[in-house]
Protein backbone atom coordinates (compact mmCIF):
# COMPACT_ATOMS: atom_id res chain seq x y z
CA MET A 1 3.08 -8.63 -0.71
CA ILE A 2 3.85 -5.49 -0.78
CA GLU A 3 1.60 -2.22 -0.37
CA ARG A 4 2.13 1.48 -1.57
CA GLN A 5 0.23 4.55 0.19
CA ASP A 6 -0.22 7.91 -1.14
CA ILE A 7 1.73 6.84 -3.98
CA GLY A 8 3.39 9.67 -6.35
CA THR A 9 6.31 9.93 -9.22
CA ARG A 10 9.33 10.34 -7.57
CA MET A 11 8.09 8.49 -3.20
CA SER A 12 4.84 7.22 -1.31
CA LYS A 13 4.24 8.35 1.94
CA ILE A 14 3.95 4.34 3.31
CA VAL A 15 5.57 1.73 2.41
CA LYS A 16 4.34 -1.28 3.62
CA HIS A 17 6.44 -4.89 4.04
CA ASN A 18 6.06 -7.28 7.03
CA GLY A 19 5.13 -5.82 9.53
CA THR A 20 6.98 -3.10 9.27
CA VAL A 21 6.10 0.69 8.28
CA TYR A 22 8.44 2.64 6.50
CA LEU A 23 7.89 6.49 6.44
CA CYS A 24 8.98 9.13 3.18
CA GLY A 25 10.94 12.06 5.19
CA GLN A 26 9.43 14.44 6.76
CA VAL A 27 9.33 18.70 7.32
CA GLY A 28 7.65 20.78 9.46
CA ALA A 29 6.08 24.83 8.99
CA GLY A 30 7.43 27.47 11.42
CA GLU A 31 10.51 29.31 11.36
CA SER A 32 11.61 27.98 14.04
CA VAL A 33 13.78 24.68 15.15
CA THR A 34 11.02 23.93 17.77
CA GLU A 35 7.98 24.63 15.31
CA GLN A 36 9.06 22.66 13.10
CA THR A 37 9.93 19.30 14.74
CA GLN A 38 6.28 19.88 16.72
CA ASP A 39 4.56 20.32 12.75
CA CYS A 40 6.91 16.66 11.27
CA LEU A 41 6.03 14.95 13.96
CA ALA A 42 2.00 15.60 13.97
CA ARG A 43 2.85 14.04 10.23
CA VAL A 44 5.01 11.79 11.36
CA HIS A 45 2.14 10.55 13.76
CA ALA A 46 -0.52 11.16 11.52
CA LEU A 47 1.21 8.77 8.56
CA LEU A 48 1.27 6.12 11.12
CA GLU A 49 -2.24 6.27 12.39
CA LYS A 50 -2.87 5.77 8.61
CA ALA A 51 -0.42 3.07 8.45
CA GLY A 52 -2.14 1.22 11.65
CA SER A 53 1.22 2.11 13.50
CA SER A 54 1.56 4.56 16.78
CA ARG A 55 4.10 6.22 18.12
CA GLU A 56 5.31 3.73 20.77
CA GLN A 57 5.50 0.99 17.77
CA ILE A 58 8.30 3.77 16.14
CA LEU A 59 11.50 1.13 14.98
CA GLN A 60 13.95 3.89 14.12
CA ALA A 61 13.70 7.32 13.42
CA ILE A 62 16.83 9.10 11.98
CA ILE A 63 16.92 12.52 12.03
CA TRP A 64 18.41 15.25 9.48
CA VAL A 65 19.03 19.20 11.40
CA ALA A 66 20.96 21.96 9.42
CA ASP A 67 22.91 22.65 12.04
CA MET A 68 23.36 21.39 15.27
CA ALA A 69 23.32 24.56 16.68
CA ASP A 70 20.07 23.28 16.81
CA PHE A 71 20.57 20.50 18.32
CA ALA A 72 18.78 19.99 21.76
CA GLU A 73 15.73 22.13 20.37
CA MET A 74 14.19 19.62 18.53
CA ASN A 75 14.99 17.71 21.24
CA ALA A 76 13.08 19.34 23.04
CA VAL A 77 10.55 18.56 20.90
CA TRP A 78 11.30 15.17 20.42
CA ASP A 79 11.89 14.21 24.75
CA ALA A 80 7.82 16.10 24.20
CA TRP A 81 6.48 14.01 21.92
CA VAL A 82 7.94 10.39 21.83
CA PRO A 83 5.96 7.93 24.59
CA GLU A 84 7.73 6.75 27.85
CA GLY A 85 9.71 3.99 27.57
CA HIS A 86 9.07 3.44 23.76
CA ALA A 87 12.45 4.89 22.69
CA PRO A 88 13.33 3.75 19.28
CA ALA A 89 16.62 3.54 18.06
CA ARG A 90 18.20 7.25 16.26
CA ALA A 91 20.79 8.67 14.85
CA CYS A 92 20.68 12.20 14.03
CA GLY A 93 23.43 14.33 12.25
CA GLU A 94 23.68 17.59 9.99
CA ALA A 95 22.77 17.89 6.83
CA LYS A 96 21.32 20.68 3.99
CA LEU A 97 17.92 19.79 3.41
CA ALA A 98 16.15 20.22 0.24
CA ARG A 99 15.13 24.19 0.45
CA PRO A 100 16.96 26.59 2.68
CA GLU A 101 14.17 27.16 5.63
CA LEU A 102 14.68 23.31 5.84
CA LYS A 103 15.74 23.24 9.59
CA VAL A 104 14.60 19.40 10.21
CA GLU A 105 13.63 16.43 8.91
CA VAL A 106 12.32 13.22 10.65
CA ILE A 107 12.16 9.14 8.38
CA VAL A 108 10.91 6.42 10.66
CA THR A 109 10.73 2.88 10.53
CA ALA A 110 7.54 1.17 12.48
CA ALA A 111 5.86 -1.68 12.95
CA TYR A 112 2.50 -2.51 12.71
CA GLU A 113 -0.55 -6.01 13.75
């Protein structure tokens, strides 16, 4: 069975299937990469909790940054947010994001019980 939460016309924020939860891409508010990453990860955390999952259960993260010059700044926030010993499989690339002011987007897949 597939369960969808926060269903919109274009996408669902959460899709659960067979022990796996898929989150839609999350962006954050703020002027700096640090602020946007912190806000973005807070949104990821809230969606994980709503889906019955947690940061310890993240399987994979895909991160897009608008400029790879911001890679280290984004990683400083990411590294502090991921629980020690629970780092997921991860990819990070540079991409033009949906709006010019956006600097980072995170897409997460996790397990749930």
